[in-house]
Amino acid sequence: MTTVSIIIATYNGAATLAACLDSIASQTRRPLDVIVMDGASTDGTVDILARRSDVVTHWASAPDKGIYDAWNKALPHVRGDWIWFIGCDDELADPETIAWAEDELGQFAADSGLVYTRVAMIGRNGRTTETIGRPWAESEAALAYGMSVPHTGLMARRELFETIGGFDSRYRIAGDFDWFLKAMQRSKVAFLDRITVRAADTGLSGASATQLKTVREFGAILDAQGRRKSARWYLLLAKVGMKSRLSQMISPRVMGWLVDAYRVATLRRPRMSSR
């Protein structure tokens, strides 16, 4: 039977980690591994890990160089056929998620090693702000300006990591984009139209603080791999640059109104609306 291993990187994630692990514990079929690499948290995360041996098969807590370094440290402990990286503030969508995923993954030929799904982004009020993950034809075209495949919905064959290696920990934000571009040169990619993860949407604060750095890192990765940046990348850079400057000039509340107005104008729902 096809098996899945879950890897979770965390740092001071006590507020959300228990719910994440609970969503795994509630599965009708458990993943083969649940590996948690903690970056020396000081908020009670380690206490949670110490008492969750019912779910966690391996964990360690030590300083690291960021999420990609933590993921790399977890890889040697993987036994499953497929690897799934989720965040400590994410939850599996329903109790049948692992059973469904393993059954679906078992039907793919050996040359298909990258499979992704849809992901529901959840706002602070517990409601879905948007659903991400598009069919591969759309997502492939969008890779010319950034990571268009939701990493929390992506499952990769273990053999790809054995062939390509792990993540480049020099990247702080978009190391998954770098790895995915390399992996897709060696594997077919498939999209499964099902929501498998409820992922935390950090909303305005996360976007304003990191989006400009993220887009610049996308550009650096495209350059490093000899890929041409599309016009959309330059437009995205200009948009997030303006947003970053505005966020320094006006209050978060007014900025939130502007973001919601933009989402409505582009036929997307406001950040805190339900679906």
C-alpha atoms as a PDB file:
ATOM      1  CA  MET A   1       0.000   0.000   0.000  1.00  0.00           C
ATOM      2  CA  THR A   2       1.192   3.506  -0.799  1.00  0.00           C
ATOM      3  CA  THR A   3       2.247   5.416   2.307  1.00  0.00           C
ATOM      4  CA  VAL A   4       2.532   9.099   3.190  1.00  0.00           C
ATOM      5  CA  SER A   5       4.881  10.818   5.635  1.00  0.00           C
ATOM      6  CA  ILE A   6       4.054  14.256   7.030  1.00  0.00           C
ATOM      7  CA  ILE A   7       6.774  16.762   7.938  1.00  0.00           C
ATOM      8  CA  ILE A   8       6.039  19.778  10.117  1.00  0.00           C
ATOM      9  CA  ALA A   9       8.499  22.562  10.915  1.00  0.00           C
ATOM     10  CA  THR A  10       7.665  24.777  13.859  1.00  0.00           C
ATOM     11  CA  TYR A  11       9.034  27.578  15.971  1.00  0.00           C
ATOM     12  CA  ASN A  12       7.023  28.901  18.904  1.00  0.00           C
ATOM     13  CA  GLY A  13       3.910  27.307  17.461  1.00  0.00           C
ATOM     14  CA  ALA A  14       2.228  26.222  20.691  1.00  0.00           C
ATOM     15  CA  ALA A  15      -0.928  28.207  19.920  1.00  0.00           C
ATOM     16  CA  THR A  16      -1.739  26.120  16.832  1.00  0.00           C
ATOM     17  CA  LEU A  17       0.333  22.922  16.955  1.00  0.00           C
ATOM     18  CA  ALA A  18      -2.121  20.931  19.089  1.00  0.00           C
ATOM     19  CA  ALA A  19      -4.966  21.518  16.613  1.00  0.00           C
ATOM     20  CA  CYS A  20      -2.679  20.548  13.740  1.00  0.00           C
ATOM     21  CA  LEU A  21      -1.753  17.274  15.449  1.00  0.00           C
ATOM     22  CA  ASP A  22      -5.369  16.646  16.422  1.00  0.00           C
ATOM     23  CA  SER A  23      -6.357  16.831  12.752  1.00  0.00           C
ATOM     24  CA  ILE A  24      -3.819  14.083  12.046  1.00  0.00           C
ATOM     25  CA  ALA A  25      -4.874  12.000  15.048  1.00  0.00           C
ATOM     26  CA  SER A  26      -8.492  12.068  13.816  1.00  0.00           C
ATOM     27  CA  GLN A  27      -7.630  10.423  10.488  1.00  0.00           C
ATOM     28  CA  THR A  28      -9.311   7.131   9.675  1.00  0.00           C
ATOM     29  CA  ARG A  29      -5.922   6.042   8.320  1.00  0.00           C
ATOM     30  CA  ARG A  30      -2.797   7.484   9.927  1.00  0.00           C
ATOM     31  CA  PRO A  31       0.245   8.593   7.905  1.00  0.00           C
ATOM     32  CA  LEU A  32       3.260   6.304   8.251  1.00  0.00           C
ATOM     33  CA  ASP A  33       5.342   9.112   9.777  1.00  0.00           C
ATOM     34  CA  VAL A  34       4.650  12.436  11.457  1.00  0.00           C
ATOM     35  CA  ILE A  35       7.992  14.164  11.846  1.00  0.00           C
ATOM     36  CA  VAL A  36       8.194  17.502  13.655  1.00  0.00           C
ATOM     37  CA  MET A  37      11.356  19.613  13.634  1.00  0.00           C
ATOM     38  CA  ASP A  38      11.236  22.460  16.127  1.00  0.00           C
ATOM     39  CA  GLY A  39      13.617  25.415  16.078  1.00  0.00           C
ATOM     40  CA  ALA A  40      14.250  25.532  19.851  1.00  0.00           C
ATOM     41  CA  SER A  41      10.897  27.021  20.833  1.00  0.00           C
ATOM     42  CA  THR A  42      10.397  28.670  24.206  1.00  0.00           C
ATOM     43  CA  ASP A  43       6.589  28.902  24.289  1.00  0.00           C
ATOM     44  CA  GLY A  44       5.504  25.398  25.270  1.00  0.00           C
ATOM     45  CA  THR A  45       5.826  23.789  21.842  1.00  0.00           C
ATOM     46  CA  VAL A  46       8.302  21.238  23.198  1.00  0.00           C
ATOM     47  CA  ASP A  47       5.893  20.286  25.992  1.00  0.00           C
ATOM     48  CA  ILE A  48       3.193  19.574  23.413  1.00  0.00           C
ATOM     49  CA  LEU A  49       5.556  17.415  21.361  1.00  0.00           C
ATOM     50  CA  ALA A  50       6.701  15.484  24.426  1.00  0.00           C
ATOM     51  CA  ARG A  51       3.166  14.356  25.219  1.00  0.00           C
ATOM     52  CA  ARG A  52       1.978  13.650  21.650  1.00  0.00           C
ATOM     53  CA  SER A  53       3.701  10.331  20.998  1.00  0.00           C
ATOM     54  CA  ASP A  54       0.259   9.080  19.977  1.00  0.00           C
ATOM     55  CA  VAL A  55       0.697  11.058  16.752  1.00  0.00           C
ATOM     56  CA  VAL A  56       4.312  12.161  16.377  1.00  0.00           C
ATOM     57  CA  THR A  57       6.722   9.414  15.317  1.00  0.00           C
ATOM     58  CA  HIS A  58       9.875  11.546  15.546  1.00  0.00           C
ATOM     59  CA  TRP A  59      10.639  15.032  16.783  1.00  0.00           C
ATOM     60  CA  ALA A  60      13.629  17.134  17.752  1.00  0.00           C
ATOM     61  CA  SER A  61      14.109  20.651  19.063  1.00  0.00           C
ATOM     62  CA  ALA A  62      17.276  22.594  18.231  1.00  0.00           C
ATOM     63  CA  PRO A  63      18.219  25.913  16.646  1.00  0.00           C
ATOM     64  CA  ASP A  64      17.999  25.901  12.856  1.00  0.00           C
ATOM     65  CA  LYS A  65      18.568  28.230   9.916  1.00  0.00           C
ATOM     66  CA  GLY A  66      14.915  28.495   8.948  1.00  0.00           C
ATOM     67  CA  ILE A  67      12.089  26.361   7.633  1.00  0.00           C
ATOM     68  CA  TYR A  68      14.063  24.785   4.786  1.00  0.00           C
ATOM     69  CA  ASP A  69      16.889  23.776   7.100  1.00  0.00           C
ATOM     70  CA  ALA A  70      14.288  22.223   9.414  1.00  0.00           C
ATOM     71  CA  TRP A  71      12.690  20.320   6.528  1.00  0.00           C
ATOM     72  CA  ASN A  72      16.097  19.034   5.442  1.00  0.00           C
ATOM     73  CA  LYS A  73      16.761  17.753   8.954  1.00  0.00           C
ATOM     74  CA  ALA A  74      13.499  15.810   8.823  1.00  0.00           C
ATOM     75  CA  LEU A  75      14.124  14.082   5.495  1.00  0.00           C
ATOM     76  CA  PRO A  76      16.458  11.328   6.795  1.00  0.00           C
ATOM     77  CA  HIS A  77      13.676  10.146   9.122  1.00  0.00           C
ATOM     78  CA  VAL A  78      11.104   9.645   6.351  1.00  0.00           C
ATOM     79  CA  ARG A  79       9.948   6.105   5.586  1.00  0.00           C
ATOM     80  CA  GLY A  80       6.862   6.814   3.470  1.00  0.00           C
ATOM     81  CA  ASP A  81       6.612   6.655  -0.312  1.00  0.00           C
ATOM     82  CA  TRP A  82       5.376  10.248  -0.505  1.00  0.00           C
ATOM     83  CA  ILE A  83       6.290  13.298   1.569  1.00  0.00           C
ATOM     84  CA  TRP A  84       3.829  16.008   2.564  1.00  0.00           C
ATOM     85  CA  PHE A  85       4.964  19.243   4.223  1.00  0.00           C
ATOM     86  CA  ILE A  86       2.375  21.130   6.249  1.00  0.00           C
ATOM     87  CA  GLY A  87       2.658  24.036   8.664  1.00  0.00           C
ATOM     88  CA  CYS A  88       2.129  23.890  12.402  1.00  0.00           C
ATOM     89  CA  ASP A  89      -0.818  26.248  11.905  1.00  0.00           C
ATOM     90  CA  ASP A  90      -2.416  24.060   9.217  1.00  0.00           C
ATOM     91  CA  GLU A  91      -4.961  21.274   9.627  1.00  0.00           C
ATOM     92  CA  LEU A  92      -5.924  18.362   7.414  1.00  0.00           C
ATOM     93  CA  ALA A  93      -9.289  19.122   5.852  1.00  0.00           C
ATOM     94  CA  ASP A  94     -11.259  16.092   7.062  1.00  0.00           C
ATOM     95  CA  PRO A  95     -10.735  12.653   8.679  1.00  0.00           C
ATOM     96  CA  GLU A  96     -10.570  10.891   5.299  1.00  0.00           C
ATOM     97  CA  THR A  97      -7.756  13.055   3.896  1.00  0.00           C
ATOM     98  CA  ILE A  98      -4.844  10.629   4.393  1.00  0.00           C
ATOM     99  CA  ALA A  99      -6.808   7.562   3.281  1.00  0.00           C
ATOM    100  CA  TRP A 100      -7.979   9.398   0.165  1.00  0.00           C
ATOM    101  CA  ALA A 101      -4.491  10.752  -0.589  1.00  0.00           C
ATOM    102  CA  GLU A 102      -2.785   7.370  -0.257  1.00  0.00           C
ATOM    103  CA  ASP A 103      -5.390   5.708  -2.462  1.00  0.00           C
ATOM    104  CA  GLU A 104      -5.059   8.402  -5.133  1.00  0.00           C
ATOM    105  CA  LEU A 105      -1.246   8.513  -5.026  1.00  0.00           C
ATOM    106  CA  GLY A 106      -1.089   4.754  -5.424  1.00  0.00           C
ATOM    107  CA  GLN A 107      -2.650   5.064  -8.871  1.00  0.00           C
ATOM    108  CA  PHE A 108       0.081   7.244 -10.372  1.00  0.00           C
ATOM    109  CA  ALA A 109       2.843   5.809 -12.529  1.00  0.00           C
ATOM    110  CA  ALA A 110       6.439   6.051 -11.337  1.00  0.00           C
ATOM    111  CA  ASP A 111       7.176   9.032 -13.598  1.00  0.00           C
ATOM    112  CA  SER A 112       4.565  11.139 -11.777  1.00  0.00           C
ATOM    113  CA  GLY A 113       6.224  12.283  -8.580  1.00  0.00           C
ATOM    114  CA  LEU A 114       4.601  15.650  -7.888  1.00  0.00           C
ATOM    115  CA  VAL A 115       0.913  15.773  -7.016  1.00  0.00           C
ATOM    116  CA  TYR A 116      -0.886  18.761  -5.537  1.00  0.00           C
ATOM    117  CA  THR A 117      -4.386  19.613  -4.371  1.00  0.00           C
ATOM    118  CA  ARG A 118      -6.444  22.611  -3.431  1.00  0.00           C
ATOM    119  CA  VAL A 119      -5.949  24.382  -0.087  1.00  0.00           C
ATOM    120  CA  ALA A 120      -8.514  26.419   1.854  1.00  0.00           C
ATOM    121  CA  MET A 121      -7.044  29.569   3.376  1.00  0.00           C
ATOM    122  CA  ILE A 122      -8.590  30.231   6.777  1.00  0.00           C
ATOM    123  CA  GLY A 123      -8.799  33.699   8.321  1.00  0.00           C
ATOM    124  CA  ARG A 124      -8.556  34.570  11.995  1.00  0.00           C
ATOM    125  CA  ASN A 125     -12.335  34.294  12.302  1.00  0.00           C
ATOM    126  CA  GLY A 126     -12.219  30.641  11.227  1.00  0.00           C
ATOM    127  CA  ARG A 127     -13.819  31.259   7.852  1.00  0.00           C
ATOM    128  CA  THR A 128     -12.417  30.500   4.407  1.00  0.00           C
ATOM    129  CA  THR A 129     -10.941  33.616   2.813  1.00  0.00           C
ATOM    130  CA  GLU A 130     -10.066  31.906  -0.466  1.00  0.00           C
ATOM    131  CA  THR A 131      -9.218  28.552  -1.996  1.00  0.00           C
ATOM    132  CA  ILE A 132      -5.875  28.195  -3.774  1.00  0.00           C
ATOM    133  CA  GLY A 133      -4.618  25.572  -6.202  1.00  0.00           C
ATOM    134  CA  ARG A 134      -5.442  25.592  -9.914  1.00  0.00           C
ATOM    135  CA  PRO A 135      -5.232  22.945 -12.664  1.00  0.00           C
ATOM    136  CA  TRP A 136      -1.683  22.269 -13.839  1.00  0.00           C
ATOM    137  CA  ALA A 137      -2.022  24.028 -17.204  1.00  0.00           C
ATOM    138  CA  GLU A 138      -2.753  27.295 -15.377  1.00  0.00           C
ATOM    139  CA  SER A 139      -0.251  26.742 -12.584  1.00  0.00           C
ATOM    140  CA  GLU A 140       2.582  25.824 -14.950  1.00  0.00           C
ATOM    141  CA  ALA A 141       2.218  29.081 -16.877  1.00  0.00           C
ATOM    142  CA  ALA A 142       2.207  31.081 -13.631  1.00  0.00           C
ATOM    143  CA  LEU A 143       5.578  29.627 -12.543  1.00  0.00           C
ATOM    144  CA  ALA A 144       7.176  32.322 -14.689  1.00  0.00           C
ATOM    145  CA  TYR A 145       6.537  34.815 -11.895  1.00  0.00           C
ATOM    146  CA  GLY A 146       6.282  32.807  -8.668  1.00  0.00           C
ATOM    147  CA  MET A 147       5.230  29.704  -6.793  1.00  0.00           C
ATOM    148  CA  SER A 148       1.781  28.944  -8.172  1.00  0.00           C
ATOM    149  CA  VAL A 149       1.462  25.497  -6.556  1.00  0.00           C
ATOM    150  CA  PRO A 150       0.375  25.618  -2.883  1.00  0.00           C
ATOM    151  CA  HIS A 151       3.193  23.930  -0.989  1.00  0.00           C
ATOM    152  CA  THR A 152       0.875  22.735   1.794  1.00  0.00           C
ATOM    153  CA  GLY A 153      -1.143  20.880  -0.831  1.00  0.00           C
ATOM    154  CA  LEU A 154       1.904  19.347  -2.551  1.00  0.00           C
ATOM    155  CA  MET A 155       2.958  15.720  -2.127  1.00  0.00           C
ATOM    156  CA  ALA A 156       6.275  14.538  -3.580  1.00  0.00           C
ATOM    157  CA  ARG A 157       7.787  11.105  -4.009  1.00  0.00           C
ATOM    158  CA  ARG A 158      10.607  10.389  -1.586  1.00  0.00           C
ATOM    159  CA  GLU A 159      12.779   9.274  -4.518  1.00  0.00           C
ATOM    160  CA  LEU A 160      12.822  12.824  -5.879  1.00  0.00           C
ATOM    161  CA  PHE A 161      14.567  14.047  -2.738  1.00  0.00           C
ATOM    162  CA  GLU A 162      17.023  11.174  -3.010  1.00  0.00           C
ATOM    163  CA  THR A 163      17.781  12.238  -6.597  1.00  0.00           C
ATOM    164  CA  ILE A 164      17.678  16.041  -6.362  1.00  0.00           C
ATOM    165  CA  GLY A 165      18.565  16.529  -2.727  1.00  0.00           C
ATOM    166  CA  GLY A 166      16.808  18.714  -0.194  1.00  0.00           C
ATOM    167  CA  PHE A 167      15.993  22.398  -0.075  1.00  0.00           C
ATOM    168  CA  ASP A 168      18.497  25.206  -0.534  1.00  0.00           C
ATOM    169  CA  SER A 169      18.511  26.734   2.941  1.00  0.00           C
ATOM    170  CA  ARG A 170      20.097  29.941   1.638  1.00  0.00           C
ATOM    171  CA  TYR A 171      16.562  30.932   0.630  1.00  0.00           C
ATOM    172  CA  ARG A 172      14.456  32.173   3.519  1.00  0.00           C
ATOM    173  CA  ILE A 173      10.991  32.350   1.938  1.00  0.00           C
ATOM    174  CA  ALA A 174      10.826  30.640  -1.453  1.00  0.00           C
ATOM    175  CA  GLY A 175      13.055  27.589  -1.104  1.00  0.00           C
ATOM    176  CA  ASP A 176      10.091  25.380  -1.994  1.00  0.00           C
ATOM    177  CA  PHE A 177       9.775  27.261  -5.300  1.00  0.00           C
ATOM    178  CA  ASP A 178      13.456  26.601  -6.048  1.00  0.00           C
ATOM    179  CA  TRP A 179      13.097  22.892  -5.266  1.00  0.00           C
ATOM    180  CA  PHE A 180       9.857  22.513  -7.208  1.00  0.00           C
ATOM    181  CA  LEU A 181      11.354  24.038 -10.368  1.00  0.00           C
ATOM    182  CA  LYS A 182      14.178  21.501 -10.185  1.00  0.00           C
ATOM    183  CA  ALA A 183      11.845  18.597  -9.425  1.00  0.00           C
ATOM    184  CA  MET A 184       9.447  19.292 -12.282  1.00  0.00           C
ATOM    185  CA  GLN A 185      12.340  18.774 -14.703  1.00  0.00           C
ATOM    186  CA  ARG A 186      12.525  15.150 -13.529  1.00  0.00           C
ATOM    187  CA  SER A 187       8.874  14.355 -12.898  1.00  0.00           C
ATOM    188  CA  LYS A 188       5.391  14.764 -14.266  1.00  0.00           C
ATOM    189  CA  VAL A 189       3.049  16.972 -12.237  1.00  0.00           C
ATOM    190  CA  ALA A 190      -0.603  16.214 -11.488  1.00  0.00           C
ATOM    191  CA  PHE A 191      -3.441  18.171  -9.906  1.00  0.00           C
ATOM    192  CA  LEU A 192      -6.216  16.605  -7.798  1.00  0.00           C
ATOM    193  CA  ASP A 193      -9.275  18.793  -7.397  1.00  0.00           C
ATOM    194  CA  ARG A 194      -9.945  18.333  -3.692  1.00  0.00           C
ATOM    195  CA  ILE A 195      -9.300  20.479  -0.619  1.00  0.00           C
ATOM    196  CA  THR A 196      -6.901  18.569   1.621  1.00  0.00           C
ATOM    197  CA  VAL A 197      -5.610  21.273   3.972  1.00  0.00           C
ATOM    198  CA  ARG A 198      -7.062  24.172   5.911  1.00  0.00           C
ATOM    199  CA  ALA A 199      -4.145  26.599   6.023  1.00  0.00           C
ATOM    200  CA  ALA A 200      -3.816  29.673   8.185  1.00  0.00           C
ATOM    201  CA  ASP A 201      -4.149  32.889   6.190  1.00  0.00           C
ATOM    202  CA  THR A 202      -1.867  35.368   7.922  1.00  0.00           C
ATOM    203  CA  GLY A 203      -3.757  38.128   6.149  1.00  0.00           C
ATOM    204  CA  LEU A 204      -2.570  41.714   5.930  1.00  0.00           C
ATOM    205  CA  SER A 205       0.273  41.622   8.468  1.00  0.00           C
ATOM    206  CA  GLY A 206       1.964  38.670   6.855  1.00  0.00           C
ATOM    207  CA  ALA A 207       1.498  40.043   3.369  1.00  0.00           C
ATOM    208  CA  SER A 208       2.781  43.543   4.071  1.00  0.00           C
ATOM    209  CA  ALA A 209       5.792  42.275   5.988  1.00  0.00           C
ATOM    210  CA  THR A 210       7.000  39.595   3.595  1.00  0.00           C
ATOM    211  CA  GLN A 211       5.455  39.876   0.146  1.00  0.00           C
ATOM    212  CA  LEU A 212       8.081  42.214  -1.292  1.00  0.00           C
ATOM    213  CA  LYS A 213      10.884  39.971  -0.043  1.00  0.00           C
ATOM    214  CA  THR A 214       9.040  36.944  -1.404  1.00  0.00           C
ATOM    215  CA  VAL A 215       8.668  38.360  -4.907  1.00  0.00           C
ATOM    216  CA  ARG A 216      12.312  39.419  -4.962  1.00  0.00           C
ATOM    217  CA  GLU A 217      13.327  35.920  -3.900  1.00  0.00           C
ATOM    218  CA  PHE A 218      11.153  34.461  -6.674  1.00  0.00           C
ATOM    219  CA  GLY A 219      13.090  36.640  -9.106  1.00  0.00           C
ATOM    220  CA  ALA A 220      16.461  35.586  -7.710  1.00  0.00           C
ATOM    221  CA  ILE A 221      15.512  31.916  -8.075  1.00  0.00           C
ATOM    222  CA  LEU A 222      14.299  32.359 -11.650  1.00  0.00           C
ATOM    223  CA  ASP A 223      17.563  34.121 -12.489  1.00  0.00           C
ATOM    224  CA  ALA A 224      19.670  31.449 -10.774  1.00  0.00           C
ATOM    225  CA  GLN A 225      17.939  28.714 -12.764  1.00  0.00           C
ATOM    226  CA  GLY A 226      18.279  30.589 -16.056  1.00  0.00           C
ATOM    227  CA  ARG A 227      14.555  31.140 -16.407  1.00  0.00           C
ATOM    228  CA  ARG A 228      13.031  34.238 -17.936  1.00  0.00           C
ATOM    229  CA  LYS A 229      10.880  36.344 -15.620  1.00  0.00           C
ATOM    230  CA  SER A 230       7.536  37.139 -17.219  1.00  0.00           C
ATOM    231  CA  ALA A 231       5.962  40.584 -17.389  1.00  0.00           C
ATOM    232  CA  ARG A 232       3.663  39.428 -14.592  1.00  0.00           C
ATOM    233  CA  TRP A 233       6.665  39.200 -12.263  1.00  0.00           C
ATOM    234  CA  TYR A 234       7.510  42.866 -12.843  1.00  0.00           C
ATOM    235  CA  LEU A 235       3.868  43.858 -12.344  1.00  0.00           C
ATOM    236  CA  LEU A 236       3.737  41.803  -9.152  1.00  0.00           C
ATOM    237  CA  LEU A 237       6.916  43.437  -7.903  1.00  0.00           C
ATOM    238  CA  ALA A 238       5.451  46.897  -8.545  1.00  0.00           C
ATOM    239  CA  LYS A 239       2.165  45.997  -6.853  1.00  0.00           C
ATOM    240  CA  VAL A 240       3.668  44.596  -3.673  1.00  0.00           C
ATOM    241  CA  GLY A 241       6.203  47.406  -3.584  1.00  0.00           C
ATOM    242  CA  MET A 242       3.391  49.958  -3.591  1.00  0.00           C
ATOM    243  CA  LYS A 243       1.501  47.962  -0.974  1.00  0.00           C
ATOM    244  CA  SER A 244       4.600  47.866   1.235  1.00  0.00           C
ATOM    245  CA  ARG A 245       5.048  51.611   0.979  1.00  0.00           C
ATOM    246  CA  LEU A 246       1.367  52.270   1.696  1.00  0.00           C
ATOM    247  CA  SER A 247       1.475  50.030   4.758  1.00  0.00           C
ATOM    248  CA  GLN A 248       4.172  52.275   6.208  1.00  0.00           C
ATOM    249  CA  MET A 249       2.110  55.404   5.611  1.00  0.00           C
ATOM    250  CA  ILE A 250      -1.406  54.466   6.728  1.00  0.00           C
ATOM    251  CA  SER A 251      -3.005  52.528   9.566  1.00  0.00           C
ATOM    252  CA  PRO A 252      -3.547  48.761   9.368  1.00  0.00           C
ATOM    253  CA  ARG A 253      -7.307  49.300   9.462  1.00  0.00           C
ATOM    254  CA  VAL A 254      -7.326  51.606   6.437  1.00  0.00           C
ATOM    255  CA  MET A 255      -4.882  49.286   4.689  1.00  0.00           C
ATOM    256  CA  GLY A 256      -7.294  46.431   5.315  1.00  0.00           C
ATOM    257  CA  TRP A 257     -10.093  48.358   3.655  1.00  0.00           C
ATOM    258  CA  LEU A 258      -7.894  49.019   0.627  1.00  0.00           C
ATOM    259  CA  VAL A 259      -6.905  45.345   0.380  1.00  0.00           C
ATOM    260  CA  ASP A 260     -10.563  44.272   0.546  1.00  0.00           C
ATOM    261  CA  ALA A 261     -11.512  46.840  -2.092  1.00  0.00           C
ATOM    262  CA  TYR A 262      -8.788  45.453  -4.360  1.00  0.00           C
ATOM    263  CA  ARG A 263      -9.981  41.895  -3.796  1.00  0.00           C
ATOM    264  CA  VAL A 264     -13.556  42.853  -4.695  1.00  0.00           C
ATOM    265  CA  ALA A 265     -12.353  44.731  -7.798  1.00  0.00           C
ATOM    266  CA  THR A 266     -10.458  41.616  -8.933  1.00  0.00           C
ATOM    267  CA  LEU A 267     -13.505  39.392  -8.273  1.00  0.00           C
ATOM    268  CA  ARG A 268     -12.130  37.902  -5.072  1.00  0.00           C
ATOM    269  CA  ARG A 269     -13.878  37.898  -1.718  1.00  0.00           C
ATOM    270  CA  PRO A 270     -12.821  40.227   1.099  1.00  0.00           C
ATOM    271  CA  ARG A 271     -10.339  38.670   3.509  1.00  0.00           C
ATOM    272  CA  MET A 272     -12.847  37.914   6.270  1.00  0.00           C
ATOM    273  CA  SER A 273     -15.830  36.844   4.182  1.00  0.00           C
ATOM    274  CA  SER A 274     -17.123  33.268   4.236  1.00  0.00           C
ATOM    275  CA  ARG A 275     -17.680  30.785   1.420  1.00  0.00           C
END
